[in-house]
N, C-alpha and C. Protein backbone atom coordinates (compact mmCIF):
# COMPACT_ATOMS: atom_id res chain seq x y z
N UNK A 1 40.38 46.80 -174.96
CA UNK A 1 39.67 45.75 -174.08
C UNK A 1 39.65 44.58 -174.81
N UNK A 2 40.09 43.44 -173.86
CA UNK A 2 39.91 42.18 -175.02
C UNK A 2 38.83 41.25 -174.97
N UNK A 3 38.42 40.67 -175.76
CA UNK A 3 37.06 40.36 -176.01
C UNK A 3 36.83 39.42 -176.48
N UNK A 4 36.33 38.42 -176.44
CA UNK A 4 35.48 36.65 -177.07
C UNK A 4 34.36 36.75 -177.39
N UNK A 5 33.76 36.70 -178.01
CA UNK A 5 32.55 36.29 -178.06
C UNK A 5 32.00 35.57 -178.99
N UNK A 6 31.16 34.43 -178.53
CA UNK A 6 30.57 33.21 -179.02
C UNK A 6 29.76 33.29 -179.90
N UNK A 7 28.73 32.46 -180.90
CA UNK A 7 27.55 32.73 -181.42
C UNK A 7 27.58 31.34 -182.06
N UNK A 8 26.43 30.90 -182.68
CA UNK A 8 25.80 29.82 -183.21
C UNK A 8 25.49 28.38 -182.34
N UNK A 9 25.23 28.68 -180.90
CA UNK A 9 24.90 27.65 -180.60
C UNK A 9 23.21 27.66 -180.92
N UNK A 10 22.64 26.80 -179.93
CA UNK A 10 21.40 26.17 -180.12
C UNK A 10 20.52 24.96 -179.88
N UNK A 11 19.32 25.13 -180.20
CA UNK A 11 19.04 23.54 -179.89
C UNK A 11 18.77 22.43 -181.07
N UNK A 12 19.61 21.38 -181.21
CA UNK A 12 19.47 20.77 -182.44
C UNK A 12 19.31 19.33 -182.04
N UNK A 13 18.81 18.06 -183.54
CA UNK A 13 18.51 16.67 -182.79
C UNK A 13 19.62 16.07 -183.22
N UNK A 14 19.85 15.05 -182.40
CA UNK A 14 20.82 14.10 -182.12
C UNK A 14 21.04 13.47 -183.94
N UNK A 15 22.42 13.93 -184.72
CA UNK A 15 22.82 13.15 -185.79
C UNK A 15 22.81 14.94 -186.57
N UNK A 16 22.30 16.00 -185.93
CA UNK A 16 22.81 17.13 -186.95
C UNK A 16 24.11 18.13 -186.41
N UNK A 17 23.98 19.30 -186.95
CA UNK A 17 24.89 19.95 -187.03
C UNK A 17 25.29 21.53 -186.77
N UNK A 18 25.97 21.73 -186.06
CA UNK A 18 25.84 23.45 -185.82
C UNK A 18 27.61 23.91 -186.27
N UNK A 19 27.39 25.09 -186.25
CA UNK A 19 28.55 25.60 -186.36
C UNK A 19 28.72 27.03 -185.43
N UNK A 20 30.07 26.52 -184.70
CA UNK A 20 30.30 27.69 -183.39
C UNK A 20 31.14 28.97 -184.47
N UNK A 21 31.08 30.30 -183.76
CA UNK A 21 32.00 30.76 -184.26
C UNK A 21 32.54 31.76 -183.03
N UNK A 22 33.43 32.17 -183.05
CA UNK A 22 34.27 33.03 -181.71
C UNK A 22 35.28 34.28 -182.12
N UNK A 23 34.15 35.59 -182.52
CA UNK A 23 35.03 36.69 -182.60
C UNK A 23 35.80 37.42 -181.69
N UNK A 24 37.02 37.65 -182.16
CA UNK A 24 38.03 38.19 -180.96
C UNK A 24 38.05 39.69 -181.44
N UNK A 25 37.95 40.66 -180.56
CA UNK A 25 38.28 41.73 -180.47
C UNK A 25 39.44 42.35 -179.33
N UNK A 26 40.16 43.49 -179.47
CA UNK A 26 40.82 44.28 -178.88
C UNK A 26 42.24 44.09 -178.68
N UNK A 27 42.99 43.31 -179.47
CA UNK A 27 43.77 42.48 -179.44
C UNK A 27 44.53 41.83 -181.14
N UNK A 28 45.26 41.64 -181.42
CA UNK A 28 45.78 40.88 -182.37
C UNK A 28 45.76 39.39 -182.51
N UNK A 29 44.53 39.02 -182.95
CA UNK A 29 44.22 37.44 -182.99
C UNK A 29 45.30 36.50 -183.49
N UNK A 30 45.55 37.12 -184.26
CA UNK A 30 46.76 35.91 -185.03
C UNK A 30 47.88 36.06 -184.19
N UNK A 31 48.21 36.30 -182.88
CA UNK A 31 49.40 36.09 -182.11
C UNK A 31 48.67 34.80 -181.05
N UNK A 32 47.79 34.41 -181.01
CA UNK A 32 47.59 34.27 -180.04
C UNK A 32 46.16 32.09 -180.49
N UNK A 33 46.99 31.35 -179.53
CA UNK A 33 46.86 29.84 -179.81
C UNK A 33 44.68 30.26 -179.18
N UNK A 34 44.46 28.99 -179.99
CA UNK A 34 43.07 28.90 -179.35
C UNK A 34 42.44 27.99 -179.26
N UNK A 35 41.25 27.67 -178.51
CA UNK A 35 41.13 26.36 -177.88
C UNK A 35 39.43 26.39 -177.78
N UNK A 36 38.68 25.63 -177.78
CA UNK A 36 37.40 25.34 -177.42
C UNK A 36 37.42 24.40 -176.05
N UNK A 37 36.11 24.85 -175.25
CA UNK A 37 36.33 24.05 -173.88
C UNK A 37 34.90 23.57 -173.79
N UNK A 38 34.09 23.14 -173.50
CA UNK A 38 32.86 22.89 -172.61
C UNK A 38 32.82 22.53 -171.47
N UNK A 39 31.39 22.46 -171.15
CA UNK A 39 31.16 22.32 -169.55
C UNK A 39 29.75 22.67 -169.24
N UNK A 40 29.02 20.97 -169.22
CA UNK A 40 28.00 20.72 -168.59
C UNK A 40 27.52 20.62 -167.61
N UNK A 41 26.35 20.60 -167.70
CA UNK A 41 26.05 20.90 -166.09
C UNK A 41 26.04 19.96 -164.82
N UNK A 42 26.89 20.38 -163.58
CA UNK A 42 27.47 19.55 -162.87
C UNK A 42 29.07 19.13 -162.87
N UNK A 43 29.10 19.63 -164.22
CA UNK A 43 30.72 18.75 -164.19
C UNK A 43 31.83 19.77 -164.61
N UNK A 44 32.81 19.88 -164.45
CA UNK A 44 33.96 20.51 -164.89
C UNK A 44 34.02 20.78 -166.19
N UNK A 45 34.77 22.03 -166.37
CA UNK A 45 35.09 22.32 -168.28
C UNK A 45 35.80 20.85 -168.78
N UNK A 46 35.67 21.16 -169.68
CA UNK A 46 36.74 20.21 -170.51
C UNK A 46 36.96 20.62 -172.07
N UNK A 47 38.20 20.17 -172.36
CA UNK A 47 38.98 20.62 -173.51
C UNK A 47 37.98 19.65 -174.76
N UNK A 48 37.79 20.59 -175.63
CA UNK A 48 37.36 20.11 -177.20
C UNK A 48 38.15 19.79 -177.84
N UNK A 49 39.06 20.98 -178.33
CA UNK A 49 39.63 20.91 -179.68
C UNK A 49 40.76 22.50 -179.44
N UNK A 50 41.79 22.51 -180.13
CA UNK A 50 42.68 23.41 -179.66
C UNK A 50 43.91 23.65 -181.18
N UNK A 51 44.10 24.75 -181.57
CA UNK A 51 44.95 25.14 -182.72
C UNK A 51 45.80 25.86 -182.55
N UNK A 52 47.08 26.17 -183.29
CA UNK A 52 47.71 27.27 -182.78
C UNK A 52 47.78 28.83 -183.43
N UNK A 53 47.96 29.99 -182.89
CA UNK A 53 48.22 30.72 -183.96
C UNK A 53 47.90 31.13 -185.57
N UNK A 54 48.95 30.15 -186.17
CA UNK A 54 49.57 29.86 -187.21
C UNK A 54 47.93 28.93 -187.85
N UNK A 55 47.32 28.47 -187.12
CA UNK A 55 46.70 27.52 -187.90
C UNK A 55 47.42 25.80 -188.24
N UNK A 56 47.00 25.42 -188.99
CA UNK A 56 47.67 23.63 -189.36
C UNK A 56 47.51 22.77 -188.33
N UNK A 57 48.23 22.65 -187.21
CA UNK A 57 47.81 21.42 -186.34
C UNK A 57 46.98 21.59 -185.61
N UNK A 58 46.64 20.63 -185.30
CA UNK A 58 45.02 20.57 -184.55
C UNK A 58 45.37 19.58 -183.67
N UNK A 59 44.08 20.03 -182.36
CA UNK A 59 44.01 18.85 -181.17
C UNK A 59 42.88 18.48 -181.08
N UNK A 60 42.47 17.26 -180.80
CA UNK A 60 40.52 17.25 -180.39
C UNK A 60 41.18 16.12 -179.22
N UNK A 61 39.93 16.45 -178.53
CA UNK A 61 39.30 15.32 -177.22
C UNK A 61 38.74 14.01 -177.77
N UNK A 62 39.12 12.66 -177.47
CA UNK A 62 39.00 11.56 -178.14
C UNK A 62 37.16 11.72 -178.50
N UNK A 63 36.29 11.95 -177.36
CA UNK A 63 34.98 12.64 -177.57
C UNK A 63 34.64 12.69 -178.64
N UNK A 64 35.10 13.82 -179.35
CA UNK A 64 34.86 14.69 -180.65
C UNK A 64 35.76 14.00 -181.41
N UNK A 65 36.44 13.57 -181.56
CA UNK A 65 37.76 13.63 -182.92
C UNK A 65 37.21 12.36 -184.09
N UNK A 66 36.65 13.27 -185.15
CA UNK A 66 35.76 12.78 -186.59
C UNK A 66 34.63 13.39 -186.57
N UNK A 67 34.45 13.79 -185.75
CA UNK A 67 33.10 14.63 -185.61
C UNK A 67 33.35 15.96 -185.81
N UNK A 68 34.43 17.26 -185.40
CA UNK A 68 34.23 18.24 -185.42
C UNK A 68 35.24 18.57 -185.78
N UNK A 69 35.36 20.09 -185.93
CA UNK A 69 36.53 20.29 -186.85
C UNK A 69 36.91 22.24 -186.33
N UNK A 70 38.06 22.01 -185.83
CA UNK A 70 38.75 23.50 -185.21
C UNK A 70 39.11 24.28 -186.56
N UNK A 71 38.66 25.16 -186.65
CA UNK A 71 39.77 26.09 -187.86
C UNK A 71 39.88 27.99 -187.31
N UNK A 72 40.32 28.73 -188.15
CA UNK A 72 40.26 30.16 -187.38
C UNK A 72 40.82 30.64 -189.03
N UNK A 73 39.89 31.91 -188.96
CA UNK A 73 40.27 32.62 -190.10
C UNK A 73 41.28 34.22 -189.17
N UNK A 74 42.52 34.25 -189.60
CA UNK A 74 43.20 35.63 -188.45
C UNK A 74 42.82 36.48 -189.66
N UNK A 75 42.48 36.68 -190.44
CA UNK A 75 41.81 37.61 -191.39
C UNK A 75 41.18 38.74 -190.79
N UNK A 76 39.86 37.53 -190.40
CA UNK A 76 38.86 38.16 -189.91
C UNK A 76 38.21 38.37 -188.40
N UNK A 77 39.76 37.63 -187.71
CA UNK A 77 39.80 37.93 -186.09
C UNK A 77 38.55 37.04 -185.71
N UNK A 78 38.61 35.75 -186.29
CA UNK A 78 37.57 34.78 -186.14
C UNK A 78 38.24 33.08 -186.28
N UNK A 79 37.30 32.37 -185.02
CA UNK A 79 37.86 31.24 -184.77
C UNK A 79 36.75 30.17 -185.02
N UNK A 80 36.61 29.23 -185.46
CA UNK A 80 35.17 28.03 -185.36
C UNK A 80 35.23 27.01 -184.73
N UNK A 81 34.13 26.17 -185.15
CA UNK A 81 33.90 24.66 -184.43
C UNK A 81 32.89 24.64 -184.88
N UNK A 82 33.24 23.35 -186.11
CA UNK A 82 32.19 23.35 -187.00
C UNK A 82 31.85 21.74 -186.19
N UNK A 83 30.76 21.44 -186.15
CA UNK A 83 30.64 20.04 -185.11
C UNK A 83 28.74 19.02 -185.72
N UNK A 84 29.66 18.20 -186.08
CA UNK A 84 29.02 17.36 -187.32
C UNK A 84 28.58 15.85 -186.17
N UNK A 85 27.21 15.41 -186.51
CA UNK A 85 26.92 13.97 -186.09
C UNK A 85 26.64 14.06 -184.47
N UNK A 86 25.88 15.35 -184.35
CA UNK A 86 26.00 15.47 -182.59
C UNK A 86 25.10 14.57 -182.13
N UNK A 87 25.29 14.57 -180.88
CA UNK A 87 25.24 13.44 -180.00
C UNK A 87 24.59 14.07 -178.68
N UNK A 88 23.23 13.68 -177.57
CA UNK A 88 22.93 14.36 -176.36
C UNK A 88 24.28 14.53 -175.18
N UNK A 89 25.19 13.20 -175.32
CA UNK A 89 26.62 14.17 -174.30
C UNK A 89 26.91 15.01 -175.01
N UNK A 90 26.82 15.54 -175.85
CA UNK A 90 27.39 16.75 -176.51
C UNK A 90 26.77 18.21 -175.83
N UNK A 91 25.79 18.04 -175.48
CA UNK A 91 24.93 19.11 -174.87
C UNK A 91 25.95 19.82 -173.74
N UNK A 92 25.71 21.51 -173.83
CA UNK A 92 27.01 21.96 -172.79
C UNK A 92 26.85 23.19 -173.14
N UNK A 93 27.43 24.16 -172.59
CA UNK A 93 27.78 25.45 -172.97
C UNK A 93 29.34 25.62 -173.14
N UNK A 94 29.44 26.46 -174.67
CA UNK A 94 30.92 26.00 -175.43
C UNK A 94 31.15 27.43 -175.20
N UNK A 95 33.01 26.90 -174.85
CA UNK A 95 33.52 28.45 -174.31
C UNK A 95 35.04 28.10 -175.83
N UNK A 96 35.43 29.54 -176.20
CA UNK A 96 36.05 29.57 -176.91
C UNK A 96 37.32 30.59 -175.92
N UNK A 97 38.76 30.42 -176.29
CA UNK A 97 39.77 30.67 -175.12
C UNK A 97 40.95 30.63 -176.10
N UNK A 98 41.84 32.34 -175.89
CA UNK A 98 42.71 32.11 -176.23
C UNK A 98 44.08 32.70 -175.07
N UNK A 99 45.69 32.05 -175.82
CA UNK A 99 46.25 32.85 -174.83
C UNK A 99 47.74 33.23 -176.02
N UNK A 100 48.23 34.36 -175.34
CA UNK A 100 49.00 34.74 -176.05
C UNK A 100 50.20 33.40 -176.57
N UNK A 101 51.10 32.70 -177.74
CA UNK A 101 51.79 32.09 -177.71
C UNK A 101 52.14 32.02 -178.86
N UNK A 102 53.88 31.62 -178.74
CA UNK A 102 54.70 30.97 -180.16
C UNK A 102 53.95 30.63 -181.35
N UNK A 103 54.00 30.46 -182.36
CA UNK A 103 53.92 29.68 -183.96
C UNK A 103 53.24 28.36 -183.53
N UNK A 104 53.59 27.53 -182.56
CA UNK A 104 53.16 26.43 -182.76
C UNK A 104 52.80 25.97 -181.82
N UNK A 105 52.88 26.69 -180.66
CA UNK A 105 52.13 26.14 -179.28
C UNK A 105 50.56 26.28 -179.69
N UNK A 106 49.85 25.09 -178.73
CA UNK A 106 48.23 25.09 -178.48
C UNK A 106 48.53 24.21 -177.09
N UNK A 107 47.44 24.29 -176.25
CA UNK A 107 47.38 23.45 -175.12
C UNK A 107 45.71 22.97 -174.87
N UNK A 108 45.68 21.73 -174.54
CA UNK A 108 44.33 21.45 -174.00
C UNK A 108 44.18 21.74 -172.41
N UNK A 109 44.70 22.53 -172.11
CA UNK A 109 44.63 22.56 -170.65
C UNK A 109 44.09 23.88 -170.06
N UNK A 110 43.25 24.06 -169.60
CA UNK A 110 42.27 25.32 -169.14
C UNK A 110 42.70 26.15 -168.39
N UNK A 111 44.07 25.84 -167.82
CA UNK A 111 44.28 27.24 -166.85
C UNK A 111 45.73 27.64 -168.29
N UNK A 112 45.81 26.84 -169.04
CA UNK A 112 46.89 28.15 -169.67
C UNK A 112 46.41 28.87 -170.89
N UNK A 113 44.76 29.28 -170.61
CA UNK A 113 44.63 29.88 -171.45
C UNK A 113 43.86 31.10 -170.49
N UNK A 114 43.93 32.71 -170.84
CA UNK A 114 43.59 33.62 -169.83
C UNK A 114 42.75 34.63 -170.58
N UNK A 115 42.17 34.05 -171.70
CA UNK A 115 40.87 35.38 -172.86
C UNK A 115 39.69 34.18 -172.87
N UNK A 116 38.69 34.20 -172.00
CA UNK A 116 37.87 33.55 -172.34
C UNK A 116 36.59 34.19 -172.55
N UNK A 117 35.65 33.49 -173.46
CA UNK A 117 34.04 34.05 -174.01
C UNK A 117 33.14 34.23 -173.12
N UNK A 118 32.01 34.30 -173.36
CA UNK A 118 31.22 34.18 -171.92
C UNK A 118 30.56 33.06 -172.02
N UNK A 119 30.54 32.09 -173.42
CA UNK A 119 29.70 31.17 -173.75
C UNK A 119 28.78 31.10 -174.38
N UNK A 120 28.65 29.83 -175.30
CA UNK A 120 27.17 29.39 -176.20
C UNK A 120 26.65 28.38 -175.74
N UNK A 121 24.90 28.27 -175.79
CA UNK A 121 24.36 26.88 -174.96
C UNK A 121 24.17 26.15 -176.35
N UNK A 122 24.76 24.92 -176.20
CA UNK A 122 24.60 24.10 -177.37
C UNK A 122 23.78 22.75 -176.71
N UNK A 123 22.48 22.44 -177.07
CA UNK A 123 21.61 21.48 -176.81
C UNK A 123 21.50 20.45 -177.77
N UNK A 124 21.11 19.25 -177.34
CA UNK A 124 21.40 18.16 -178.74
C UNK A 124 20.20 17.05 -177.83
N UNK A 125 19.02 17.66 -178.55
CA UNK A 125 17.76 15.92 -178.42
C UNK A 125 18.09 14.79 -178.74
N UNK A 126 17.79 14.10 -178.25
CA UNK A 126 17.94 12.67 -178.97
C UNK A 126 16.16 11.98 -179.10
């Protein structure tokens, strides 16, 4: 059974940091591109960051560029999102997602991902 489980969310003050993890099971994580998305109350789910199955190239939403870092450890079947200099507007439920893809492929479109975690809440207080 394909499963993604996020962890690491919580409450942090503005300017602080949090690290999220996404543990994959039930499939070969290294064959899948990975993305992080978030959804704030009353808003649509939006792209945060993505990277291909082999790592290397990355893409970020303009709103998080320079503050967030996506990474993965295929040997541990785990993806990560390090979030620094957090702002109140970063408050949302954060989701990781994967899609089976060729080596260099990754996407910022939610419709391109077919495996999703349950999400983890990140709250940034001002």
